Amino acid sequence: MIPAQFRKLIAELEHLTDSQTRYVEKLLKGTDSVSQLITELEERMVENPECPHCHSSLINRHGKVNQMQRYRCKNCGKTFVATTATPLARLRY
């Protein structure tokens, strides 16, 4: 986002009603515990990147799928997301 637009957005946030403020907070935090958990798993991938298949730390970002960052391992060539090899793998709504 362009910095000038961001400053304008922040200035507009001050004029929201209480219900609008709660709605914006809900959108920013995520609406359910699953999205919060996925966010925490993605943060873990940033802090300690590791391929769940070969445990190599040589990974690259490889696009996005369903709003989640996808990764590709340079060592084994397999792709994965932060939830791969966790109980949340292949979880559907």
PDB file of N, CA and C in Angstrom:
ATOM      1  N   MET A   1       0.834  -1.167   0.000  1.00  0.00           N
ATOM      2  CA  MET A   1       0.000   0.000   0.000  1.00  0.00           C
ATOM      3  C   MET A   1       0.882   1.234   0.000  1.00  0.00           C
ATOM      4  N   ILE A   2       0.464   2.238  -0.708  1.00  0.00           N
ATOM      5  CA  ILE A   2       1.200   3.491  -0.797  1.00  0.00           C
ATOM      6  C   ILE A   2       1.140   4.193   0.562  1.00  0.00           C
ATOM      7  N   PRO A   3       2.284   4.713   1.057  1.00  0.00           N
ATOM      8  CA  PRO A   3       2.313   5.327   2.388  1.00  0.00           C
ATOM      9  C   PRO A   3       1.264   6.428   2.583  1.00  0.00           C
ATOM     10  N   ALA A   4       1.028   7.237   1.570  1.00  0.00           N
ATOM     11  CA  ALA A   4       0.034   8.313   1.704  1.00  0.00           C
ATOM     12  C   ALA A   4      -1.367   7.729   1.896  1.00  0.00           C
ATOM     13  N   GLN A   5      -1.677   6.667   1.180  1.00  0.00           N
ATOM     14  CA  GLN A   5      -2.980   6.017   1.337  1.00  0.00           C
ATOM     15  C   GLN A   5      -3.101   5.381   2.719  1.00  0.00           C
ATOM     16  N   PHE A   6      -2.006   4.813   3.203  1.00  0.00           N
ATOM     17  CA  PHE A   6      -2.011   4.183   4.523  1.00  0.00           C
ATOM     18  C   PHE A   6      -2.281   5.223   5.609  1.00  0.00           C
ATOM     19  N   ARG A   7      -1.617   6.379   5.518  1.00  0.00           N
ATOM     20  CA  ARG A   7      -1.851   7.442   6.495  1.00  0.00           C
ATOM     21  C   ARG A   7      -3.297   7.917   6.455  1.00  0.00           C
ATOM     22  N   LYS A   8      -3.867   8.008   5.248  1.00  0.00           N
ATOM     23  CA  LYS A   8      -5.257   8.419   5.110  1.00  0.00           C
ATOM     24  C   LYS A   8      -6.185   7.376   5.750  1.00  0.00           C
ATOM     25  N   LEU A   9      -5.880   6.101   5.539  1.00  0.00           N
ATOM     26  CA  LEU A   9      -6.677   5.029   6.140  1.00  0.00           C
ATOM     27  C   LEU A   9      -6.630   5.099   7.661  1.00  0.00           C
ATOM     28  N   ILE A  10      -5.461   5.295   8.215  1.00  0.00           N
ATOM     29  CA  ILE A  10      -5.307   5.402   9.664  1.00  0.00           C
ATOM     30  C   ILE A  10      -6.100   6.589  10.198  1.00  0.00           C
ATOM     31  N   ALA A  11      -6.068   7.706   9.491  1.00  0.00           N
ATOM     32  CA  ALA A  11      -6.821   8.882   9.913  1.00  0.00           C
ATOM     33  C   ALA A  11      -8.324   8.606   9.891  1.00  0.00           C
ATOM     34  N   GLU A  12      -8.795   7.847   8.919  1.00  0.00           N
ATOM     35  CA  GLU A  12     -10.213   7.517   8.814  1.00  0.00           C
ATOM     36  C   GLU A  12     -10.652   6.556   9.916  1.00  0.00           C
ATOM     37  N   LEU A  13      -9.751   5.727  10.416  1.00  0.00           N
ATOM     38  CA  LEU A  13     -10.094   4.769  11.464  1.00  0.00           C
ATOM     39  C   LEU A  13     -10.528   5.460  12.750  1.00  0.00           C
ATOM     40  N   GLU A  14     -10.055   6.677  12.981  1.00  0.00           N
ATOM     41  CA  GLU A  14     -10.411   7.407  14.191  1.00  0.00           C
ATOM     42  C   GLU A  14     -11.891   7.784  14.223  1.00  0.00           C
ATOM     43  N   HIS A  15     -12.542   7.808  13.076  1.00  0.00           N
ATOM     44  CA  HIS A  15     -13.936   8.251  12.988  1.00  0.00           C
ATOM     45  C   HIS A  15     -14.927   7.090  12.942  1.00  0.00           C
ATOM     46  N   LEU A  16     -14.478   5.869  13.183  1.00  0.00           N
ATOM     47  CA  LEU A  16     -15.378   4.718  13.153  1.00  0.00           C
ATOM     48  C   LEU A  16     -16.240   4.666  14.408  1.00  0.00           C
ATOM     49  N   THR A  17     -17.414   4.079  14.264  1.00  0.00           N
ATOM     50  CA  THR A  17     -18.263   3.845  15.430  1.00  0.00           C
ATOM     51  C   THR A  17     -17.703   2.652  16.214  1.00  0.00           C
ATOM     52  N   ASP A  18     -18.252   2.415  17.401  1.00  0.00           N
ATOM     53  CA  ASP A  18     -17.775   1.302  18.220  1.00  0.00           C
ATOM     54  C   ASP A  18     -17.989  -0.044  17.525  1.00  0.00           C
ATOM     55  N   SER A  19     -19.145  -0.222  16.913  1.00  0.00           N
ATOM     56  CA  SER A  19     -19.408  -1.496  16.238  1.00  0.00           C
ATOM     57  C   SER A  19     -18.502  -1.675  15.026  1.00  0.00           C
ATOM     58  N   GLN A  20     -18.222  -0.600  14.317  1.00  0.00           N
ATOM     59  CA  GLN A  20     -17.309  -0.684  13.174  1.00  0.00           C
ATOM     60  C   GLN A  20     -15.887  -0.995  13.636  1.00  0.00           C
ATOM     61  N   THR A  21     -15.484  -0.430  14.778  1.00  0.00           N
ATOM     62  CA  THR A  21     -14.156  -0.698  15.328  1.00  0.00           C
ATOM     63  C   THR A  21     -14.020  -2.171  15.713  1.00  0.00           C
ATOM     64  N   ARG A  22     -15.066  -2.721  16.369  1.00  0.00           N
ATOM     65  CA  ARG A  22     -15.028  -4.142  16.733  1.00  0.00           C
ATOM     66  C   ARG A  22     -14.962  -5.018  15.488  1.00  0.00           C
ATOM     67  N   TYR A  23     -15.682  -4.640  14.436  1.00  0.00           N
ATOM     68  CA  TYR A  23     -15.671  -5.411  13.197  1.00  0.00           C
ATOM     69  C   TYR A  23     -14.271  -5.409  12.569  1.00  0.00           C
ATOM     70  N   VAL A  24     -13.622  -4.253  12.545  1.00  0.00           N
ATOM     71  CA  VAL A  24     -12.263  -4.165  11.987  1.00  0.00           C
ATOM     72  C   VAL A  24     -11.294  -4.999  12.820  1.00  0.00           C
ATOM     73  N   GLU A  25     -11.420  -4.946  14.149  1.00  0.00           N
ATOM     74  CA  GLU A  25     -10.566  -5.754  15.019  1.00  0.00           C
ATOM     75  C   GLU A  25     -10.776  -7.234  14.759  1.00  0.00           C
ATOM     76  N   LYS A  26     -12.023  -7.628  14.585  1.00  0.00           N
ATOM     77  CA  LYS A  26     -12.342  -9.036  14.315  1.00  0.00           C
ATOM     78  C   LYS A  26     -11.715  -9.491  13.002  1.00  0.00           C
ATOM     79  N   LEU A  27     -11.761  -8.635  11.980  1.00  0.00           N
ATOM     80  CA  LEU A  27     -11.157  -8.984  10.692  1.00  0.00           C
ATOM     81  C   LEU A  27      -9.639  -9.104  10.800  1.00  0.00           C
ATOM     82  N   LEU A  28      -9.024  -8.208  11.549  1.00  0.00           N
ATOM     83  CA  LEU A  28      -7.567  -8.229  11.675  1.00  0.00           C
ATOM     84  C   LEU A  28      -7.068  -9.395  12.516  1.00  0.00           C
ATOM     85  N   LYS A  29      -7.809  -9.772  13.545  1.00  0.00           N
ATOM     86  CA  LYS A  29      -7.397 -10.871  14.415  1.00  0.00           C
ATOM     87  C   LYS A  29      -7.716 -12.233  13.831  1.00  0.00           C
ATOM     88  N   GLY A  30      -8.685 -12.311  12.951  1.00  0.00           N
ATOM     89  CA  GLY A  30      -9.154 -13.603  12.466  1.00  0.00           C
ATOM     90  C   GLY A  30     -10.390 -13.974  13.256  1.00  0.00           C
ATOM     91  N   THR A  31     -11.334 -14.611  12.615  1.00  0.00           N
ATOM     92  CA  THR A  31     -12.619 -14.842  13.252  1.00  0.00           C
ATOM     93  C   THR A  31     -12.682 -16.129  14.060  1.00  0.00           C
ATOM     94  N   ASP A  32     -11.785 -17.045  13.846  1.00  0.00           N
ATOM     95  CA  ASP A  32     -11.878 -18.303  14.573  1.00  0.00           C
ATOM     96  C   ASP A  32     -10.497 -18.756  15.041  1.00  0.00           C
ATOM     97  N   SER A  33     -10.501 -19.757  15.893  1.00  0.00           N
ATOM     98  CA  SER A  33      -9.246 -20.239  16.469  1.00  0.00           C
ATOM     99  C   SER A  33      -8.370 -20.929  15.434  1.00  0.00           C
ATOM    100  N   VAL A  34      -8.977 -21.509  14.388  1.00  0.00           N
ATOM    101  CA  VAL A  34      -8.186 -22.187  13.358  1.00  0.00           C
ATOM    102  C   VAL A  34      -7.330 -21.175  12.606  1.00  0.00           C
ATOM    103  N   SER A  35      -7.898 -20.030  12.241  1.00  0.00           N
ATOM    104  CA  SER A  35      -7.116 -19.030  11.520  1.00  0.00           C
ATOM    105  C   SER A  35      -6.004 -18.469  12.404  1.00  0.00           C
ATOM    106  N   GLN A  36      -6.258 -18.327  13.701  1.00  0.00           N
ATOM    107  CA  GLN A  36      -5.214 -17.870  14.613  1.00  0.00           C
ATOM    108  C   GLN A  36      -4.092 -18.890  14.714  1.00  0.00           C
ATOM    109  N   LEU A  37      -4.451 -20.158  14.759  1.00  0.00           N
ATOM    110  CA  LEU A  37      -3.445 -21.218  14.840  1.00  0.00           C
ATOM    111  C   LEU A  37      -2.611 -21.277  13.556  1.00  0.00           C
ATOM    112  N   ILE A  38      -3.260 -21.119  12.410  1.00  0.00           N
ATOM    113  CA  ILE A  38      -2.544 -21.123  11.135  1.00  0.00           C
ATOM    114  C   ILE A  38      -1.582 -19.944  11.074  1.00  0.00           C
ATOM    115  N   THR A  39      -2.010 -18.789  11.579  1.00  0.00           N
ATOM    116  CA  THR A  39      -1.130 -17.617  11.614  1.00  0.00           C
ATOM    117  C   THR A  39       0.100 -17.898  12.465  1.00  0.00           C
ATOM    118  N   GLU A  40      -0.092 -18.538  13.611  1.00  0.00           N
ATOM    119  CA  GLU A  40       1.040 -18.888  14.464  1.00  0.00           C
ATOM    120  C   GLU A  40       1.976 -19.879  13.781  1.00  0.00           C
ATOM    121  N   LEU A  41       1.422 -20.846  13.043  1.00  0.00           N
ATOM    122  CA  LEU A  41       2.256 -21.807  12.322  1.00  0.00           C
ATOM    123  C   LEU A  41       3.048 -21.124  11.219  1.00  0.00           C
ATOM    124  N   GLU A  42       2.436 -20.161  10.533  1.00  0.00           N
ATOM    125  CA  GLU A  42       3.157 -19.435   9.489  1.00  0.00           C
ATOM    126  C   GLU A  42       4.274 -18.592  10.083  1.00  0.00           C
ATOM    127  N   GLU A  43       4.047 -18.014  11.263  1.00  0.00           N
ATOM    128  CA  GLU A  43       5.105 -17.264  11.934  1.00  0.00           C
ATOM    129  C   GLU A  43       6.266 -18.185  12.310  1.00  0.00           C
ATOM    130  N   ARG A  44       5.953 -19.409  12.690  1.00  0.00           N
ATOM    131  CA  ARG A  44       6.992 -20.391  13.023  1.00  0.00           C
ATOM    132  C   ARG A  44       7.865 -20.684  11.796  1.00  0.00           C
ATOM    133  N   MET A  45       7.233 -20.729  10.619  1.00  0.00           N
ATOM    134  CA  MET A  45       7.987 -20.989   9.391  1.00  0.00           C
ATOM    135  C   MET A  45       8.945 -19.850   9.089  1.00  0.00           C
ATOM    136  N   VAL A  46       8.582 -18.635   9.464  1.00  0.00           N
ATOM    137  CA  VAL A  46       9.462 -17.489   9.248  1.00  0.00           C
ATOM    138  C   VAL A  46      10.633 -17.531  10.217  1.00  0.00           C
ATOM    139  N   GLU A  47      10.343 -17.860  11.474  1.00  0.00           N
ATOM    140  CA  GLU A  47      11.385 -17.891  12.507  1.00  0.00           C
ATOM    141  C   GLU A  47      12.329 -19.071  12.347  1.00  0.00           C
ATOM    142  N   ASN A  48      11.781 -20.253  12.038  1.00  0.00           N
ATOM    143  CA  ASN A  48      12.586 -21.472  11.950  1.00  0.00           C
ATOM    144  C   ASN A  48      12.159 -22.260  10.709  1.00  0.00           C
ATOM    145  N   PRO A  49      12.604 -21.839   9.518  1.00  0.00           N
ATOM    146  CA  PRO A  49      12.166 -22.530   8.302  1.00  0.00           C
ATOM    147  C   PRO A  49      12.733 -23.942   8.210  1.00  0.00           C
ATOM    148  N   GLU A  50      11.840 -24.905   7.959  1.00  0.00           N
ATOM    149  CA  GLU A  50      12.272 -26.290   7.843  1.00  0.00           C
ATOM    150  C   GLU A  50      11.279 -27.064   6.985  1.00  0.00           C
ATOM    151  N   CYS A  51      11.784 -27.849   6.059  1.00  0.00           N
ATOM    152  CA  CYS A  51      10.950 -28.694   5.214  1.00  0.00           C
ATOM    153  C   CYS A  51      10.405 -29.846   6.063  1.00  0.00           C
ATOM    154  N   PRO A  52       9.083 -30.083   6.041  1.00  0.00           N
ATOM    155  CA  PRO A  52       8.532 -31.181   6.832  1.00  0.00           C
ATOM    156  C   PRO A  52       8.858 -32.559   6.259  1.00  0.00           C
ATOM    157  N   HIS A  53       9.342 -32.609   5.026  1.00  0.00           N
ATOM    158  CA  HIS A  53       9.644 -33.885   4.380  1.00  0.00           C
ATOM    159  C   HIS A  53      11.084 -34.336   4.640  1.00  0.00           C
ATOM    160  N   CYS A  54      12.058 -33.434   4.397  1.00  0.00           N
ATOM    161  CA  CYS A  54      13.466 -33.822   4.558  1.00  0.00           C
ATOM    162  C   CYS A  54      14.184 -33.046   5.661  1.00  0.00           C
ATOM    163  N   HIS A  55      13.471 -32.116   6.320  1.00  0.00           N
ATOM    164  CA  HIS A  55      13.994 -31.321   7.430  1.00  0.00           C
ATOM    165  C   HIS A  55      15.150 -30.408   7.029  1.00  0.00           C
ATOM    166  N   SER A  56      15.197 -30.019   5.760  1.00  0.00           N
ATOM    167  CA  SER A  56      16.203 -29.078   5.284  1.00  0.00           C
ATOM    168  C   SER A  56      15.735 -27.664   5.599  1.00  0.00           C
ATOM    169  N   SER A  57      16.686 -26.773   5.846  1.00  0.00           N
ATOM    170  CA  SER A  57      16.327 -25.374   6.106  1.00  0.00           C
ATOM    171  C   SER A  57      16.432 -24.523   4.842  1.00  0.00           C
ATOM    172  N   LEU A  58      16.727 -25.143   3.711  1.00  0.00           N
ATOM    173  CA  LEU A  58      16.839 -24.427   2.445  1.00  0.00           C
ATOM    174  C   LEU A  58      15.489 -24.427   1.731  1.00  0.00           C
ATOM    175  N   ILE A  59      14.671 -23.419   2.036  1.00  0.00           N
ATOM    176  CA  ILE A  59      13.350 -23.341   1.413  1.00  0.00           C
ATOM    177  C   ILE A  59      13.140 -21.966   0.801  1.00  0.00           C
ATOM    178  N   ASN A  60      12.269 -21.916  -0.199  1.00  0.00           N
ATOM    179  CA  ASN A  60      11.880 -20.672  -0.857  1.00  0.00           C
ATOM    180  C   ASN A  60      10.375 -20.515  -0.779  1.00  0.00           C
ATOM    181  N   ARG A  61       9.916 -19.267  -0.767  1.00  0.00           N
ATOM    182  CA  ARG A  61       8.481 -19.038  -0.886  1.00  0.00           C
ATOM    183  C   ARG A  61       8.076 -19.399  -2.310  1.00  0.00           C
ATOM    184  N   HIS A  62       6.882 -19.976  -2.452  1.00  0.00           N
ATOM    185  CA  HIS A  62       6.462 -20.504  -3.755  1.00  0.00           C
ATOM    186  C   HIS A  62       4.981 -20.207  -4.006  1.00  0.00           C
ATOM    187  N   GLY A  63       4.607 -18.931  -3.886  1.00  0.00           N
ATOM    188  CA  GLY A  63       3.230 -18.535  -4.143  1.00  0.00           C
ATOM    189  C   GLY A  63       2.340 -18.693  -2.929  1.00  0.00           C
ATOM    190  N   LYS A  64       1.032 -18.571  -3.170  1.00  0.00           N
ATOM    191  CA  LYS A  64       0.061 -18.715  -2.090  1.00  0.00           C
ATOM    192  C   LYS A  64      -1.065 -19.614  -2.549  1.00  0.00           C
ATOM    193  N   VAL A  65      -1.648 -20.327  -1.598  1.00  0.00           N
ATOM    194  CA  VAL A  65      -2.810 -21.158  -1.855  1.00  0.00           C
ATOM    195  C   VAL A  65      -3.774 -20.955  -0.690  1.00  0.00           C
ATOM    196  N   ASN A  66      -5.027 -20.617  -1.002  1.00  0.00           N
ATOM    197  CA  ASN A  66      -6.039 -20.340   0.026  1.00  0.00           C
ATOM    198  C   ASN A  66      -5.538 -19.349   1.070  1.00  0.00           C
ATOM    199  N   GLN A  67      -4.899 -18.289   0.634  1.00  0.00           N
ATOM    200  CA  GLN A  67      -4.375 -17.213   1.481  1.00  0.00           C
ATOM    201  C   GLN A  67      -3.271 -17.659   2.422  1.00  0.00           C
ATOM    202  N   MET A  68      -2.704 -18.831   2.181  1.00  0.00           N
ATOM    203  CA  MET A  68      -1.577 -19.310   2.988  1.00  0.00           C
ATOM    204  C   MET A  68      -0.322 -19.320   2.119  1.00  0.00           C
ATOM    205  N   GLN A  69       0.809 -18.960   2.720  1.00  0.00           N
ATOM    206  CA  GLN A  69       2.070 -18.968   1.998  1.00  0.00           C
ATOM    207  C   GLN A  69       2.478 -20.402   1.684  1.00  0.00           C
ATOM    208  N   ARG A  70       2.878 -20.639   0.450  1.00  0.00           N
ATOM    209  CA  ARG A  70       3.347 -21.951   0.019  1.00  0.00           C
ATOM    210  C   ARG A  70       4.864 -21.890  -0.077  1.00  0.00           C
ATOM    211  N   TYR A  71       5.537 -22.993   0.206  1.00  0.00           N
ATOM    212  CA  TYR A  71       6.995 -23.057   0.189  1.00  0.00           C
ATOM    213  C   TYR A  71       7.446 -24.220  -0.685  1.00  0.00           C
ATOM    214  N   ARG A  72       8.670 -24.112  -1.215  1.00  0.00           N
ATOM    215  CA  ARG A  72       9.290 -25.208  -1.964  1.00  0.00           C
ATOM    216  C   ARG A  72      10.678 -25.444  -1.386  1.00  0.00           C
ATOM    217  N   CYS A  73      10.972 -26.697  -1.118  1.00  0.00           N
ATOM    218  CA  CYS A  73      12.267 -27.083  -0.567  1.00  0.00           C
ATOM    219  C   CYS A  73      13.294 -27.143  -1.701  1.00  0.00           C
ATOM    220  N   LYS A  74      14.448 -26.531  -1.489  1.00  0.00           N
ATOM    221  CA  LYS A  74      15.518 -26.586  -2.493  1.00  0.00           C
ATOM    222  C   LYS A  74      16.200 -27.950  -2.498  1.00  0.00           C
ATOM    223  N   ASN A  75      16.123 -28.661  -1.384  1.00  0.00           N
ATOM    224  CA  ASN A  75      16.805 -29.940  -1.256  1.00  0.00           C
ATOM    225  C   ASN A  75      16.024 -31.078  -1.925  1.00  0.00           C
ATOM    226  N   CYS A  76      14.750 -31.252  -1.547  1.00  0.00           N
ATOM    227  CA  CYS A  76      13.971 -32.374  -2.086  1.00  0.00           C
ATOM    228  C   CYS A  76      12.995 -31.948  -3.186  1.00  0.00           C
ATOM    229  N   GLY A  77      12.758 -30.638  -3.339  1.00  0.00           N
ATOM    230  CA  GLY A  77      11.894 -30.147  -4.406  1.00  0.00           C
ATOM    231  C   GLY A  77      10.409 -30.223  -4.120  1.00  0.00           C
ATOM    232  N   LYS A  78      10.017 -30.698  -2.947  1.00  0.00           N
ATOM    233  CA  LYS A  78       8.596 -30.814  -2.620  1.00  0.00           C
ATOM    234  C   LYS A  78       8.056 -29.476  -2.135  1.00  0.00           C
ATOM    235  N   THR A  79       6.756 -29.260  -2.373  1.00  0.00           N
ATOM    236  CA  THR A  79       6.105 -28.047  -1.911  1.00  0.00           C
ATOM    237  C   THR A  79       5.272 -28.361  -0.686  1.00  0.00           C
ATOM    238  N   PHE A  80       5.058 -27.330   0.146  1.00  0.00           N
ATOM    239  CA  PHE A  80       4.307 -27.516   1.374  1.00  0.00           C
ATOM    240  C   PHE A  80       3.832 -26.167   1.888  1.00  0.00           C
ATOM    241  N   VAL A  81       2.917 -26.205   2.841  1.00  0.00           N
ATOM    242  CA  VAL A  81       2.448 -25.020   3.559  1.00  0.00           C
ATOM    243  C   VAL A  81       2.758 -25.219   5.033  1.00  0.00           C
ATOM    244  N   ALA A  82       2.479 -24.217   5.844  1.00  0.00           N
ATOM    245  CA  ALA A  82       2.830 -24.276   7.263  1.00  0.00           C
ATOM    246  C   ALA A  82       2.106 -25.394   7.997  1.00  0.00           C
ATOM    247  N   THR A  83       0.937 -25.819   7.504  1.00  0.00           N
ATOM    248  CA  THR A  83       0.172 -26.855   8.202  1.00  0.00           C
ATOM    249  C   THR A  83       0.536 -28.271   7.770  1.00  0.00           C
ATOM    250  N   THR A  84       1.404 -28.431   6.792  1.00  0.00           N
ATOM    251  CA  THR A  84       1.811 -29.761   6.348  1.00  0.00           C
ATOM    252  C   THR A  84       2.459 -30.517   7.502  1.00  0.00           C
ATOM    253  N   ALA A  85       2.124 -31.784   7.658  1.00  0.00           N
ATOM    254  CA  ALA A  85       2.646 -32.657   8.707  1.00  0.00           C
ATOM    255  C   ALA A  85       2.194 -32.214  10.099  1.00  0.00           C
ATOM    256  N   THR A  86       1.043 -31.551  10.183  1.00  0.00           N
ATOM    257  CA  THR A  86       0.442 -31.201  11.464  1.00  0.00           C
ATOM    258  C   THR A  86      -0.989 -31.761  11.462  1.00  0.00           C
ATOM    259  N   PRO A  87      -1.657 -31.788  12.595  1.00  0.00           N
ATOM    260  CA  PRO A  87      -3.051 -32.254  12.604  1.00  0.00           C
ATOM    261  C   PRO A  87      -3.986 -31.401  11.750  1.00  0.00           C
ATOM    262  N   LEU A  88      -3.558 -30.186  11.399  1.00  0.00           N
ATOM    263  CA  LEU A  88      -4.390 -29.308  10.577  1.00  0.00           C
ATOM    264  C   LEU A  88      -4.198 -29.543   9.072  1.00  0.00           C
ATOM    265  N   ALA A  89      -3.335 -30.456   8.699  1.00  0.00           N
ATOM    266  CA  ALA A  89      -3.101 -30.726   7.281  1.00  0.00           C
ATOM    267  C   ALA A  89      -4.382 -31.238   6.633  1.00  0.00           C
ATOM    268  N   ARG A  90      -4.677 -30.738   5.450  1.00  0.00           N
ATOM    269  CA  ARG A  90      -5.854 -31.120   4.653  1.00  0.00           C
ATOM    270  C   ARG A  90      -7.184 -30.814   5.346  1.00  0.00           C
ATOM    271  N   LEU A  91      -7.151 -29.875   6.290  1.00  0.00           N
ATOM    272  CA  LEU A  91      -8.359 -29.474   7.003  1.00  0.00           C
ATOM    273  C   LEU A  91      -9.228 -28.654   6.059  1.00  0.00           C
ATOM    274  N   ARG A  92     -10.522 -28.926   6.036  1.00  0.00           N
ATOM    275  CA  ARG A  92     -11.464 -28.192   5.209  1.00  0.00           C
ATOM    276  C   ARG A  92     -12.553 -27.611   6.078  1.00  0.00           C
ATOM    277  N   TYR A  93     -13.106 -26.495   5.640  1.00  0.00           N
ATOM    278  CA  TYR A  93     -14.216 -25.882   6.367  1.00  0.00           C
ATOM    279  C   TYR A  93     -15.499 -26.586   6.023  1.00  0.00           C
TER     280      TYR A  93
END
